[in-house]
């Protein structure tokens, strides 16, 4: 796969570089924005940390100091924290439902179960079912929030609507990728197809993080204009 890996690697470096820039913006947001946007800013900082952590363990993997299971462990922990952060944002500020907290708790426990048991099944047999459930839950929460706002008949908050649409688009597309990843386990693919598939996956994250950063920048700019 060496002849095509540079495509994925190039997108991955761009993603890391942009996340570092977005993290600087996020630090500024903590001081000047509303609570909802502070959660989004924290989420970008958290994503940047895990991206850098993955790169660090990638370096160790190349030196044969860690195994393949490390990357699955990092991914599960990331999805668990993502579920808690985005779930907290949607339910604490918008839905405000005890049932949602219960569903988030159940999904979190499923991810924890997956974290502590996936190695017993073997790395090659791993299927991200818990991650799929968590993603479906997040999609459901966003849709429920949109329907709730429509039923109330109140004027939409532009920022909240933008965040909902970004979350809905990303998690819906990410769900498709997760299902495909589960399907292609142990399947035979060309190096080019493998590299292009994961390059498009990284591209999805680049667009996603850029959209969130744009929302933060837009609100930061509006705040400065008011001052």
Protein backbone atom coordinates (compact mmCIF):
# COMPACT_ATOMS: atom_id res chain seq x y z
CA UNK A 1 0.00 0.00 0.00
CA UNK A 2 3.06 2.28 0.10
CA UNK A 3 2.43 3.64 -3.40
CA UNK A 4 -0.99 5.03 -2.38
CA UNK A 5 -0.56 5.61 1.34
CA UNK A 6 0.76 9.15 0.70
CA UNK A 7 -2.79 10.19 -0.29
CA UNK A 8 -4.18 9.23 3.10
CA UNK A 9 -1.10 10.58 4.87
CA UNK A 10 -1.41 13.97 3.14
CA UNK A 11 -5.06 14.35 4.20
CA UNK A 12 -4.19 13.25 7.74
CA UNK A 13 -1.46 15.89 8.05
CA UNK A 14 -3.83 18.57 6.74
CA UNK A 15 -6.42 17.48 9.32
CA UNK A 16 -3.87 17.72 12.15
CA UNK A 17 -2.61 21.12 10.99
CA UNK A 18 -6.14 22.55 10.76
CA UNK A 19 -7.11 21.12 14.14
CA UNK A 20 -4.13 22.87 15.73
CA UNK A 21 -5.28 26.17 14.21
CA UNK A 22 -8.87 25.53 15.28
CA UNK A 23 -7.64 24.80 18.80
CA UNK A 24 -6.14 28.29 19.04
CA UNK A 25 -9.50 29.72 18.01
CA UNK A 26 -11.21 27.48 20.57
CA UNK A 27 -9.05 28.81 23.40
CA UNK A 28 -10.12 32.36 22.51
CA UNK A 29 -13.77 31.25 22.38
CA UNK A 30 -13.63 30.03 25.98
CA UNK A 31 -13.24 33.62 27.15
CA UNK A 32 -15.73 35.39 24.91
CA UNK A 33 -18.60 33.08 23.96
CA UNK A 34 -21.78 31.57 25.32
CA UNK A 35 -21.88 28.22 27.12
CA UNK A 36 -23.04 26.25 24.05
CA UNK A 37 -20.11 27.47 21.98
CA UNK A 38 -17.72 26.77 24.85
CA UNK A 39 -18.75 23.12 24.66
CA UNK A 40 -18.08 23.13 20.90
CA UNK A 41 -14.71 24.80 21.51
CA UNK A 42 -13.85 22.15 24.11
CA UNK A 43 -14.89 19.46 21.63
CA UNK A 44 -12.45 20.82 19.02
CA UNK A 45 -9.66 20.96 21.61
CA UNK A 46 -10.46 17.41 22.65
CA UNK A 47 -10.46 16.24 18.99
CA UNK A 48 -7.10 17.91 18.41
CA UNK A 49 -5.65 16.17 21.47
CA UNK A 50 -6.81 12.75 20.30
CA UNK A 51 -5.57 13.39 16.77
CA UNK A 52 -2.10 14.23 18.10
CA UNK A 53 -2.28 11.24 20.43
CA UNK A 54 -3.06 8.97 17.47
CA UNK A 55 -0.08 10.38 15.60
CA UNK A 56 2.17 9.72 18.59
CA UNK A 57 1.04 6.10 18.83
CA UNK A 58 1.36 5.82 15.06
CA UNK A 59 5.02 6.70 15.45
CA UNK A 60 5.39 4.08 18.21
CA UNK A 61 3.63 1.52 15.99
CA UNK A 62 6.16 2.12 13.20
CA UNK A 63 8.89 1.40 15.75
CA UNK A 64 7.05 -1.81 16.76
CA UNK A 65 6.56 -0.49 20.30
CA UNK A 66 2.76 -0.84 20.30
CA UNK A 67 0.29 -3.17 18.60
CA UNK A 68 -2.75 -2.72 16.36
CA UNK A 69 -5.09 -2.90 19.34
CA UNK A 70 -3.86 0.49 20.55
CA UNK A 71 -5.60 2.29 17.69
CA UNK A 72 -8.91 0.55 18.34
CA UNK A 73 -8.61 1.43 22.03
CA UNK A 74 -8.03 5.10 21.18
CA UNK A 75 -10.93 5.13 18.74
CA UNK A 76 -13.38 3.62 21.26
CA UNK A 77 -12.29 6.07 23.97
CA UNK A 78 -12.69 8.93 21.51
CA UNK A 79 -16.20 7.83 20.52
CA UNK A 80 -17.14 7.42 24.19
CA UNK A 81 -15.97 10.94 25.05
CA UNK A 82 -17.59 12.31 21.89
CA UNK A 83 -20.91 10.73 22.85
CA UNK A 84 -20.73 12.33 26.29
CA UNK A 85 -19.70 15.78 25.01
CA UNK A 86 -22.16 16.05 22.11
CA UNK A 87 -24.89 14.26 24.07
CA UNK A 88 -24.39 16.70 26.94
CA UNK A 89 -24.57 19.66 24.55
CA UNK A 90 -27.79 18.50 22.88
CA UNK A 91 -29.62 17.38 26.01
CA UNK A 92 -28.41 19.90 28.58
CA UNK A 93 -29.12 22.96 26.43
CA UNK A 94 -31.85 21.82 24.02
CA UNK A 95 -33.77 18.60 24.72
CA UNK A 96 -33.49 18.53 28.55
CA UNK A 97 -34.85 15.01 28.94
CA UNK A 98 -34.09 12.44 31.65
CA UNK A 99 -34.77 9.64 29.17
CA UNK A 100 -31.95 10.96 26.97
CA UNK A 101 -29.51 10.82 29.90
CA UNK A 102 -30.56 7.20 30.41
CA UNK A 103 -29.94 6.37 26.73
CA UNK A 104 -26.56 8.11 26.78
CA UNK A 105 -25.63 6.14 29.90
CA UNK A 106 -26.61 2.83 28.28
CA UNK A 107 -24.67 3.61 25.10
CA UNK A 108 -21.65 4.67 27.18
CA UNK A 109 -21.71 1.37 29.07
CA UNK A 110 -21.90 -0.51 25.77
CA UNK A 111 -18.81 1.36 24.55
CA UNK A 112 -17.01 0.55 27.81
CA UNK A 113 -17.96 -3.10 27.42
CA UNK A 114 -16.60 -2.99 23.88
CA UNK A 115 -13.40 -1.35 25.13
CA UNK A 116 -12.67 -4.12 27.63
CA UNK A 117 -13.74 -7.10 25.50
CA UNK A 118 -12.77 -6.41 21.88
CA UNK A 119 -9.32 -8.01 22.22
CA UNK A 120 -10.83 -11.31 23.35
CA UNK A 121 -12.54 -11.61 19.95
CA UNK A 122 -9.34 -10.89 18.05
CA UNK A 123 -8.40 -7.68 16.26
CA UNK A 124 -9.31 -9.04 12.83
CA UNK A 125 -12.81 -9.93 14.02
CA UNK A 126 -13.55 -6.57 15.61
CA UNK A 127 -16.82 -4.95 14.57
CA UNK A 128 -17.61 -1.44 15.81
CA UNK A 129 -21.17 -2.24 16.89
CA UNK A 130 -21.02 -0.13 20.04
CA UNK A 131 -19.69 2.81 18.02
CA UNK A 132 -22.50 2.31 15.51
CA UNK A 133 -25.10 2.40 18.29
CA UNK A 134 -23.55 5.57 19.73
CA UNK A 135 -23.63 7.26 16.32
CA UNK A 136 -27.26 6.24 15.73
CA UNK A 137 -28.15 7.69 19.13
CA UNK A 138 -26.48 11.02 18.31
CA UNK A 139 -28.28 11.20 14.97
CA UNK A 140 -31.55 10.48 16.77
CA UNK A 141 -30.89 13.21 19.35
CA UNK A 142 -30.20 15.81 16.68
CA UNK A 143 -33.34 14.87 14.76
CA UNK A 144 -35.40 14.95 17.99
CA UNK A 145 -34.07 18.42 18.74
CA UNK A 146 -34.95 19.70 15.28
CA UNK A 147 -38.47 18.28 15.53
CA UNK A 148 -38.89 19.80 19.00
CA UNK A 149 -37.94 23.24 17.71
CA UNK A 150 -40.33 22.91 14.78
CA UNK A 151 -43.23 21.96 17.07
CA UNK A 152 -42.61 24.94 19.35
CA UNK A 153 -43.03 27.30 16.42
CA UNK A 154 -40.49 29.75 17.84
CA UNK A 155 -37.96 31.73 15.86
CA UNK A 156 -34.90 29.58 15.22
CA UNK A 157 -31.56 30.46 16.75
CA UNK A 158 -29.26 30.56 13.73
CA UNK A 159 -26.21 29.29 15.61
CA UNK A 160 -28.10 26.36 17.13
CA UNK A 161 -29.56 25.45 13.76
CA UNK A 162 -26.16 25.55 12.11
CA UNK A 163 -24.71 23.30 14.79
CA UNK A 164 -27.60 20.85 14.45
CA UNK A 165 -27.24 20.65 10.69
CA UNK A 166 -23.47 20.14 10.94
CA UNK A 167 -23.91 17.41 13.55
CA UNK A 168 -26.70 15.73 11.60
CA UNK A 169 -24.72 15.73 8.35
CA UNK A 170 -21.52 14.49 9.93
CA UNK A 171 -22.95 11.73 12.12
CA UNK A 172 -25.23 10.50 9.33
CA UNK A 173 -22.33 10.18 6.89
CA UNK A 174 -20.09 8.78 9.62
CA UNK A 175 -22.70 6.11 10.30
CA UNK A 176 -22.42 4.98 6.68
CA UNK A 177 -18.63 4.77 7.00
CA UNK A 178 -18.91 2.77 10.22
CA UNK A 179 -21.29 0.27 8.64
CA UNK A 180 -19.00 -0.08 5.60
CA UNK A 181 -15.98 -0.60 7.88
CA UNK A 182 -17.83 -3.39 9.68
CA UNK A 183 -18.73 -4.95 6.35
CA UNK A 184 -15.23 -4.90 4.81
CA UNK A 185 -13.47 -6.55 7.76
CA UNK A 186 -11.29 -9.38 6.44
CA UNK A 187 -12.30 -8.59 2.87
CA UNK A 188 -9.76 -8.38 0.07
CA UNK A 189 -9.30 -4.92 -1.46
CA UNK A 190 -6.66 -3.30 -3.60
CA UNK A 191 -4.21 -0.93 -1.93
CA UNK A 192 -5.62 1.94 -3.99
CA UNK A 193 -9.23 1.28 -2.91
CA UNK A 194 -8.19 0.97 0.74
CA UNK A 195 -6.21 4.22 0.67
CA UNK A 196 -8.93 6.16 -1.15
CA UNK A 197 -11.64 4.93 1.22
CA UNK A 198 -9.79 6.10 4.31
CA UNK A 199 -8.66 9.30 2.60
CA UNK A 200 -12.31 10.20 2.02
CA UNK A 201 -12.94 9.36 5.68
CA UNK A 202 -10.29 11.85 6.76
CA UNK A 203 -11.68 14.41 4.31
CA UNK A 204 -15.06 14.06 6.03
CA UNK A 205 -13.43 15.04 9.34
CA UNK A 206 -11.60 17.98 7.75
CA UNK A 207 -14.89 19.41 6.47
CA UNK A 208 -16.64 18.67 9.78
CA UNK A 209 -14.07 20.37 11.99
CA UNK A 210 -13.83 23.30 9.56
CA UNK A 211 -17.61 23.77 9.73
CA UNK A 212 -17.54 23.84 13.54
CA UNK A 213 -14.59 26.27 13.50
CA UNK A 214 -16.49 28.50 11.08
CA UNK A 215 -19.45 28.65 13.47
CA UNK A 216 -17.11 29.59 16.32
CA UNK A 217 -15.36 32.23 14.21
CA UNK A 218 -18.68 33.65 13.01
CA UNK A 219 -19.90 34.11 16.58
CA UNK A 220 -16.55 35.48 17.77
CA UNK A 221 -16.63 38.05 14.97
CA UNK A 222 -20.21 39.05 15.83
CA UNK A 223 -19.24 39.46 19.48
CA UNK A 224 -16.36 41.74 18.59
CA UNK A 225 -18.61 43.85 16.35
CA UNK A 226 -21.09 44.33 19.21
CA UNK A 227 -18.28 45.45 21.48
